[in-house]
Amino acid sequence: MSPSKPLFSQAKPLIGVLQLLPLPGAPNWQGALADVVARAEQEAAALVTGGMDGLIIENTFDHPQNPDR
């Protein structure tokens, strides 16, 4: 990406938030990374179909972190 070239063509792009299921090492991790990926793909497709111009990915469900795990 060049500083002289904008990332989006819209003046005010719509950014959707994709919140991942718990990841490995998180207290609520369910042990199936394929499920995390499948859910993320489904949600990303729904957000794009709904008109989002871009996505931000968050690991919201990873808190609190457990350093002993």
PDB file of N, CA and C in Angstrom:
ATOM      1  N   MET A   1       0.842  -1.175   0.000  1.00  0.00           N
ATOM      2  CA  MET A   1       0.000   0.000   0.000  1.00  0.00           C
ATOM      3  C   MET A   1       0.886   1.237   0.000  1.00  0.00           C
ATOM      4  N   SER A   2       0.594   2.131  -0.880  1.00  0.00           N
ATOM      5  CA  SER A   2       1.343   3.372  -0.995  1.00  0.00           C
ATOM      6  C   SER A   2       0.637   4.482  -0.229  1.00  0.00           C
ATOM      7  N   PRO A   3       1.387   5.369   0.446  1.00  0.00           N
ATOM      8  CA  PRO A   3       0.745   6.474   1.162  1.00  0.00           C
ATOM      9  C   PRO A   3      -0.044   7.391   0.225  1.00  0.00           C
ATOM     10  N   SER A   4       0.308   7.403  -1.053  1.00  0.00           N
ATOM     11  CA  SER A   4      -0.398   8.271  -1.990  1.00  0.00           C
ATOM     12  C   SER A   4      -1.636   7.604  -2.581  1.00  0.00           C
ATOM     13  N   LYS A   5      -1.806   6.303  -2.341  1.00  0.00           N
ATOM     14  CA  LYS A   5      -2.962   5.579  -2.865  1.00  0.00           C
ATOM     15  C   LYS A   5      -3.841   5.134  -1.693  1.00  0.00           C
ATOM     16  N   PRO A   6      -5.094   5.562  -1.675  1.00  0.00           N
ATOM     17  CA  PRO A   6      -5.958   5.186  -0.551  1.00  0.00           C
ATOM     18  C   PRO A   6      -6.273   3.691  -0.551  1.00  0.00           C
ATOM     19  N   LEU A   7      -6.510   3.164   0.623  1.00  0.00           N
ATOM     20  CA  LEU A   7      -6.851   1.757   0.775  1.00  0.00           C
ATOM     21  C   LEU A   7      -8.254   1.471   0.242  1.00  0.00           C
ATOM     22  N   PHE A   8      -9.174   2.406   0.450  1.00  0.00           N
ATOM     23  CA  PHE A   8     -10.556   2.253   0.013  1.00  0.00           C
ATOM     24  C   PHE A   8     -10.899   3.343  -0.984  1.00  0.00           C
ATOM     25  N   SER A   9     -11.801   3.021  -1.899  1.00  0.00           N
ATOM     26  CA  SER A   9     -12.232   4.024  -2.875  1.00  0.00           C
ATOM     27  C   SER A   9     -13.338   4.912  -2.307  1.00  0.00           C
ATOM     28  N   GLN A  10     -14.015   4.457  -1.260  1.00  0.00           N
ATOM     29  CA  GLN A  10     -15.081   5.231  -0.644  1.00  0.00           C
ATOM     30  C   GLN A  10     -14.508   6.286   0.295  1.00  0.00           C
ATOM     31  N   ALA A  11     -15.201   7.415   0.378  1.00  0.00           N
ATOM     32  CA  ALA A  11     -14.776   8.460   1.315  1.00  0.00           C
ATOM     33  C   ALA A  11     -14.949   7.993   2.759  1.00  0.00           C
ATOM     34  N   LYS A  12     -16.016   7.250   3.016  1.00  0.00           N
ATOM     35  CA  LYS A  12     -16.292   6.744   4.366  1.00  0.00           C
ATOM     36  C   LYS A  12     -16.618   5.251   4.271  1.00  0.00           C
ATOM     37  N   PRO A  13     -15.594   4.404   4.211  1.00  0.00           N
ATOM     38  CA  PRO A  13     -15.843   2.964   4.076  1.00  0.00           C
ATOM     39  C   PRO A  13     -16.479   2.377   5.337  1.00  0.00           C
ATOM     40  N   LEU A  14     -17.258   1.342   5.142  1.00  0.00           N
ATOM     41  CA  LEU A  14     -17.865   0.616   6.253  1.00  0.00           C
ATOM     42  C   LEU A  14     -16.942  -0.539   6.630  1.00  0.00           C
ATOM     43  N   ILE A  15     -16.563  -0.589   7.909  1.00  0.00           N
ATOM     44  CA  ILE A  15     -15.658  -1.620   8.398  1.00  0.00           C
ATOM     45  C   ILE A  15     -16.436  -2.527   9.348  1.00  0.00           C
ATOM     46  N   GLY A  16     -16.511  -3.807   9.013  1.00  0.00           N
ATOM     47  CA  GLY A  16     -17.182  -4.778   9.866  1.00  0.00           C
ATOM     48  C   GLY A  16     -16.201  -5.382  10.853  1.00  0.00           C
ATOM     49  N   VAL A  17     -16.708  -5.804  12.004  1.00  0.00           N
ATOM     50  CA  VAL A  17     -15.869  -6.406  13.042  1.00  0.00           C
ATOM     51  C   VAL A  17     -16.131  -7.905  13.092  1.00  0.00           C
ATOM     52  N   LEU A  18     -15.084  -8.675  12.909  1.00  0.00           N
ATOM     53  CA  LEU A  18     -15.153 -10.128  12.973  1.00  0.00           C
ATOM     54  C   LEU A  18     -14.479 -10.551  14.273  1.00  0.00           C
ATOM     55  N   GLN A  19     -15.256 -11.112  15.190  1.00  0.00           N
ATOM     56  CA  GLN A  19     -14.715 -11.523  16.477  1.00  0.00           C
ATOM     57  C   GLN A  19     -14.511 -13.033  16.475  1.00  0.00           C
ATOM     58  N   LEU A  20     -13.256 -13.432  16.588  1.00  0.00           N
ATOM     59  CA  LEU A  20     -12.910 -14.854  16.551  1.00  0.00           C
ATOM     60  C   LEU A  20     -13.383 -15.574  17.805  1.00  0.00           C
ATOM     61  N   LEU A  21     -13.677 -16.851  17.643  1.00  0.00           N
ATOM     62  CA  LEU A  21     -13.920 -17.707  18.801  1.00  0.00           C
ATOM     63  C   LEU A  21     -12.606 -17.825  19.577  1.00  0.00           C
ATOM     64  N   PRO A  22     -12.633 -18.326  20.813  1.00  0.00           N
ATOM     65  CA  PRO A  22     -11.397 -18.462  21.577  1.00  0.00           C
ATOM     66  C   PRO A  22     -10.332 -19.257  20.813  1.00  0.00           C
ATOM     67  N   LEU A  23      -9.102 -18.787  20.917  1.00  0.00           N
ATOM     68  CA  LEU A  23      -7.966 -19.394  20.227  1.00  0.00           C
ATOM     69  C   LEU A  23      -7.145 -20.249  21.187  1.00  0.00           C
ATOM     70  N   PRO A  24      -6.231 -21.079  20.666  1.00  0.00           N
ATOM     71  CA  PRO A  24      -5.396 -21.913  21.537  1.00  0.00           C
ATOM     72  C   PRO A  24      -4.695 -21.074  22.605  1.00  0.00           C
ATOM     73  N   GLY A  25      -4.736 -21.546  23.840  1.00  0.00           N
ATOM     74  CA  GLY A  25      -4.132 -20.846  24.963  1.00  0.00           C
ATOM     75  C   GLY A  25      -5.124 -20.027  25.758  1.00  0.00           C
ATOM     76  N   ALA A  26      -6.286 -19.736  25.189  1.00  0.00           N
ATOM     77  CA  ALA A  26      -7.318 -18.984  25.907  1.00  0.00           C
ATOM     78  C   ALA A  26      -8.079 -19.937  26.830  1.00  0.00           C
ATOM     79  N   PRO A  27      -8.554 -19.446  27.967  1.00  0.00           N
ATOM     80  CA  PRO A  27      -9.261 -20.320  28.910  1.00  0.00           C
ATOM     81  C   PRO A  27     -10.471 -21.035  28.310  1.00  0.00           C
ATOM     82  N   ASN A  28     -11.164 -20.415  27.378  1.00  0.00           N
ATOM     83  CA  ASN A  28     -12.358 -21.022  26.789  1.00  0.00           C
ATOM     84  C   ASN A  28     -12.089 -21.760  25.487  1.00  0.00           C
ATOM     85  N   TRP A  29     -10.834 -22.002  25.179  1.00  0.00           N
ATOM     86  CA  TRP A  29     -10.468 -22.714  23.945  1.00  0.00           C
ATOM     87  C   TRP A  29     -11.157 -24.068  23.928  1.00  0.00           C
ATOM     88  N   GLN A  30     -11.794 -24.393  22.796  1.00  0.00           N
ATOM     89  CA  GLN A  30     -12.547 -25.639  22.666  1.00  0.00           C
ATOM     90  C   GLN A  30     -11.756 -26.745  21.972  1.00  0.00           C
ATOM     91  N   GLY A  31     -10.557 -26.441  21.468  1.00  0.00           N
ATOM     92  CA  GLY A  31      -9.701 -27.472  20.900  1.00  0.00           C
ATOM     93  C   GLY A  31      -9.920 -27.806  19.444  1.00  0.00           C
ATOM     94  N   ALA A  32     -10.659 -26.984  18.722  1.00  0.00           N
ATOM     95  CA  ALA A  32     -10.920 -27.275  17.314  1.00  0.00           C
ATOM     96  C   ALA A  32     -10.662 -26.023  16.470  1.00  0.00           C
ATOM     97  N   LEU A  33      -9.424 -25.876  16.019  1.00  0.00           N
ATOM     98  CA  LEU A  33      -9.067 -24.698  15.233  1.00  0.00           C
ATOM     99  C   LEU A  33      -9.857 -24.638  13.931  1.00  0.00           C
ATOM    100  N   ALA A  34     -10.184 -25.788  13.369  1.00  0.00           N
ATOM    101  CA  ALA A  34     -10.983 -25.811  12.133  1.00  0.00           C
ATOM    102  C   ALA A  34     -12.339 -25.140  12.351  1.00  0.00           C
ATOM    103  N   ASP A  35     -12.915 -25.298  13.546  1.00  0.00           N
ATOM    104  CA  ASP A  35     -14.190 -24.644  13.854  1.00  0.00           C
ATOM    105  C   ASP A  35     -14.027 -23.128  13.922  1.00  0.00           C
ATOM    106  N   VAL A  36     -12.917 -22.679  14.485  1.00  0.00           N
ATOM    107  CA  VAL A  36     -12.645 -21.239  14.563  1.00  0.00           C
ATOM    108  C   VAL A  36     -12.537 -20.657  13.157  1.00  0.00           C
ATOM    109  N   VAL A  37     -11.803 -21.337  12.295  1.00  0.00           N
ATOM    110  CA  VAL A  37     -11.610 -20.869  10.916  1.00  0.00           C
ATOM    111  C   VAL A  37     -12.934 -20.880  10.155  1.00  0.00           C
ATOM    112  N   ALA A  38     -13.699 -21.960  10.285  1.00  0.00           N
ATOM    113  CA  ALA A  38     -14.978 -22.061   9.571  1.00  0.00           C
ATOM    114  C   ALA A  38     -15.932 -20.955  10.000  1.00  0.00           C
ATOM    115  N   ARG A  39     -16.006 -20.706  11.292  1.00  0.00           N
ATOM    116  CA  ARG A  39     -16.891 -19.642  11.799  1.00  0.00           C
ATOM    117  C   ARG A  39     -16.432 -18.284  11.295  1.00  0.00           C
ATOM    118  N   ALA A  40     -15.133 -18.039  11.302  1.00  0.00           N
ATOM    119  CA  ALA A  40     -14.600 -16.761  10.811  1.00  0.00           C
ATOM    120  C   ALA A  40     -14.921 -16.573   9.331  1.00  0.00           C
ATOM    121  N   GLU A  41     -14.786 -17.633   8.554  1.00  0.00           N
ATOM    122  CA  GLU A  41     -15.102 -17.545   7.119  1.00  0.00           C
ATOM    123  C   GLU A  41     -16.581 -17.246   6.899  1.00  0.00           C
ATOM    124  N   GLN A  42     -17.450 -17.890   7.671  1.00  0.00           N
ATOM    125  CA  GLN A  42     -18.893 -17.652   7.547  1.00  0.00           C
ATOM    126  C   GLN A  42     -19.239 -16.212   7.907  1.00  0.00           C
ATOM    127  N   GLU A  43     -18.686 -15.726   9.006  1.00  0.00           N
ATOM    128  CA  GLU A  43     -18.985 -14.366   9.438  1.00  0.00           C
ATOM    129  C   GLU A  43     -18.417 -13.339   8.466  1.00  0.00           C
ATOM    130  N   ALA A  44     -17.217 -13.593   7.944  1.00  0.00           N
ATOM    131  CA  ALA A  44     -16.625 -12.670   6.969  1.00  0.00           C
ATOM    132  C   ALA A  44     -17.492 -12.591   5.721  1.00  0.00           C
ATOM    133  N   ALA A  45     -17.960 -13.732   5.245  1.00  0.00           N
ATOM    134  CA  ALA A  45     -18.824 -13.748   4.060  1.00  0.00           C
ATOM    135  C   ALA A  45     -20.113 -12.982   4.320  1.00  0.00           C
ATOM    136  N   ALA A  46     -20.696 -13.162   5.497  1.00  0.00           N
ATOM    137  CA  ALA A  46     -21.933 -12.455   5.838  1.00  0.00           C
ATOM    138  C   ALA A  46     -21.705 -10.946   5.901  1.00  0.00           C
ATOM    139  N   LEU A  47     -20.591 -10.530   6.471  1.00  0.00           N
ATOM    140  CA  LEU A  47     -20.294  -9.096   6.567  1.00  0.00           C
ATOM    141  C   LEU A  47     -20.081  -8.479   5.189  1.00  0.00           C
ATOM    142  N   VAL A  48     -19.358  -9.166   4.333  1.00  0.00           N
ATOM    143  CA  VAL A  48     -19.115  -8.654   2.977  1.00  0.00           C
ATOM    144  C   VAL A  48     -20.426  -8.624   2.188  1.00  0.00           C
ATOM    145  N   THR A  49     -21.214  -9.688   2.301  1.00  0.00           N
ATOM    146  CA  THR A  49     -22.517  -9.727   1.624  1.00  0.00           C
ATOM    147  C   THR A  49     -23.415  -8.598   2.129  1.00  0.00           C
ATOM    148  N   GLY A  50     -23.282  -8.266   3.392  1.00  0.00           N
ATOM    149  CA  GLY A  50     -24.069  -7.189   3.991  1.00  0.00           C
ATOM    150  C   GLY A  50     -23.597  -5.798   3.629  1.00  0.00           C
ATOM    151  N   GLY A  51     -22.510  -5.695   2.875  1.00  0.00           N
ATOM    152  CA  GLY A  51     -22.083  -4.392   2.385  1.00  0.00           C
ATOM    153  C   GLY A  51     -20.838  -3.797   3.018  1.00  0.00           C
ATOM    154  N   MET A  52     -20.136  -4.558   3.841  1.00  0.00           N
ATOM    155  CA  MET A  52     -18.918  -4.019   4.442  1.00  0.00           C
ATOM    156  C   MET A  52     -17.830  -3.871   3.385  1.00  0.00           C
ATOM    157  N   ASP A  53     -17.056  -2.799   3.501  1.00  0.00           N
ATOM    158  CA  ASP A  53     -15.953  -2.541   2.575  1.00  0.00           C
ATOM    159  C   ASP A  53     -14.649  -3.167   3.057  1.00  0.00           C
ATOM    160  N   GLY A  54     -14.578  -3.448   4.342  1.00  0.00           N
ATOM    161  CA  GLY A  54     -13.383  -4.041   4.922  1.00  0.00           C
ATOM    162  C   GLY A  54     -13.735  -4.696   6.243  1.00  0.00           C
ATOM    163  N   LEU A  55     -12.796  -5.449   6.789  1.00  0.00           N
ATOM    164  CA  LEU A  55     -13.013  -6.147   8.054  1.00  0.00           C
ATOM    165  C   LEU A  55     -11.852  -5.897   8.998  1.00  0.00           C
ATOM    166  N   ILE A  56     -12.168  -5.838  10.276  1.00  0.00           N
ATOM    167  CA  ILE A  56     -11.143  -5.839  11.311  1.00  0.00           C
ATOM    168  C   ILE A  56     -11.391  -7.114  12.123  1.00  0.00           C
ATOM    169  N   ILE A  57     -10.326  -7.823  12.429  1.00  0.00           N
ATOM    170  CA  ILE A  57     -10.455  -9.098  13.139  1.00  0.00           C
ATOM    171  C   ILE A  57      -9.990  -8.904  14.575  1.00  0.00           C
ATOM    172  N   GLU A  58     -10.828  -9.340  15.522  1.00  0.00           N
ATOM    173  CA  GLU A  58     -10.516  -9.209  16.945  1.00  0.00           C
ATOM    174  C   GLU A  58     -10.521 -10.584  17.601  1.00  0.00           C
ATOM    175  N   ASN A  59      -9.718 -10.718  18.629  1.00  0.00           N
ATOM    176  CA  ASN A  59      -9.719 -11.949  19.425  1.00  0.00           C
ATOM    177  C   ASN A  59     -10.369 -11.662  20.778  1.00  0.00           C
ATOM    178  N   THR A  60     -11.544 -11.079  20.735  1.00  0.00           N
ATOM    179  CA  THR A  60     -12.273 -10.651  21.922  1.00  0.00           C
ATOM    180  C   THR A  60     -12.475 -11.767  22.936  1.00  0.00           C
ATOM    181  N   PHE A  61     -12.724 -12.970  22.464  1.00  0.00           N
ATOM    182  CA  PHE A  61     -13.073 -14.061  23.373  1.00  0.00           C
ATOM    183  C   PHE A  61     -11.851 -14.756  23.974  1.00  0.00           C
ATOM    184  N   ASP A  62     -10.670 -14.181  23.818  1.00  0.00           N
ATOM    185  CA  ASP A  62      -9.449 -14.765  24.378  1.00  0.00           C
ATOM    186  C   ASP A  62      -9.124 -14.248  25.777  1.00  0.00           C
ATOM    187  N   HIS A  63      -9.959 -13.458  26.363  1.00  0.00           N
ATOM    188  CA  HIS A  63      -9.611 -12.900  27.664  1.00  0.00           C
ATOM    189  C   HIS A  63     -10.387 -13.606  28.756  1.00  0.00           C
ATOM    190  N   PRO A  64      -9.916 -13.670  29.962  1.00  0.00           N
ATOM    191  CA  PRO A  64      -8.572 -13.257  30.347  1.00  0.00           C
ATOM    192  C   PRO A  64      -7.542 -14.304  29.922  1.00  0.00           C
ATOM    193  N   GLN A  65      -6.361 -13.837  29.648  1.00  0.00           N
ATOM    194  CA  GLN A  65      -5.286 -14.752  29.255  1.00  0.00           C
ATOM    195  C   GLN A  65      -4.831 -15.554  30.470  1.00  0.00           C
ATOM    196  N   ASN A  66      -4.437 -16.778  30.235  1.00  0.00           N
ATOM    197  CA  ASN A  66      -3.982 -17.659  31.297  1.00  0.00           C
ATOM    198  C   ASN A  66      -2.531 -18.047  31.008  1.00  0.00           C
ATOM    199  N   PRO A  67      -1.562 -17.428  31.696  1.00  0.00           N
ATOM    200  CA  PRO A  67      -0.154 -17.704  31.393  1.00  0.00           C
ATOM    201  C   PRO A  67       0.279 -19.132  31.732  1.00  0.00           C
ATOM    202  N   ASP A  68      -0.493 -19.863  32.539  1.00  0.00           N
ATOM    203  CA  ASP A  68      -0.129 -21.229  32.919  1.00  0.00           C
ATOM    204  C   ASP A  68      -0.574 -22.263  31.899  1.00  0.00           C
ATOM    205  N   ARG A  69      -1.245 -21.824  30.845  1.00  0.00           N
ATOM    206  CA  ARG A  69      -1.791 -22.761  29.877  1.00  0.00           C
ATOM    207  C   ARG A  69      -0.953 -22.855  28.648  1.00  0.00           C
TER     208      ARG A  69
END
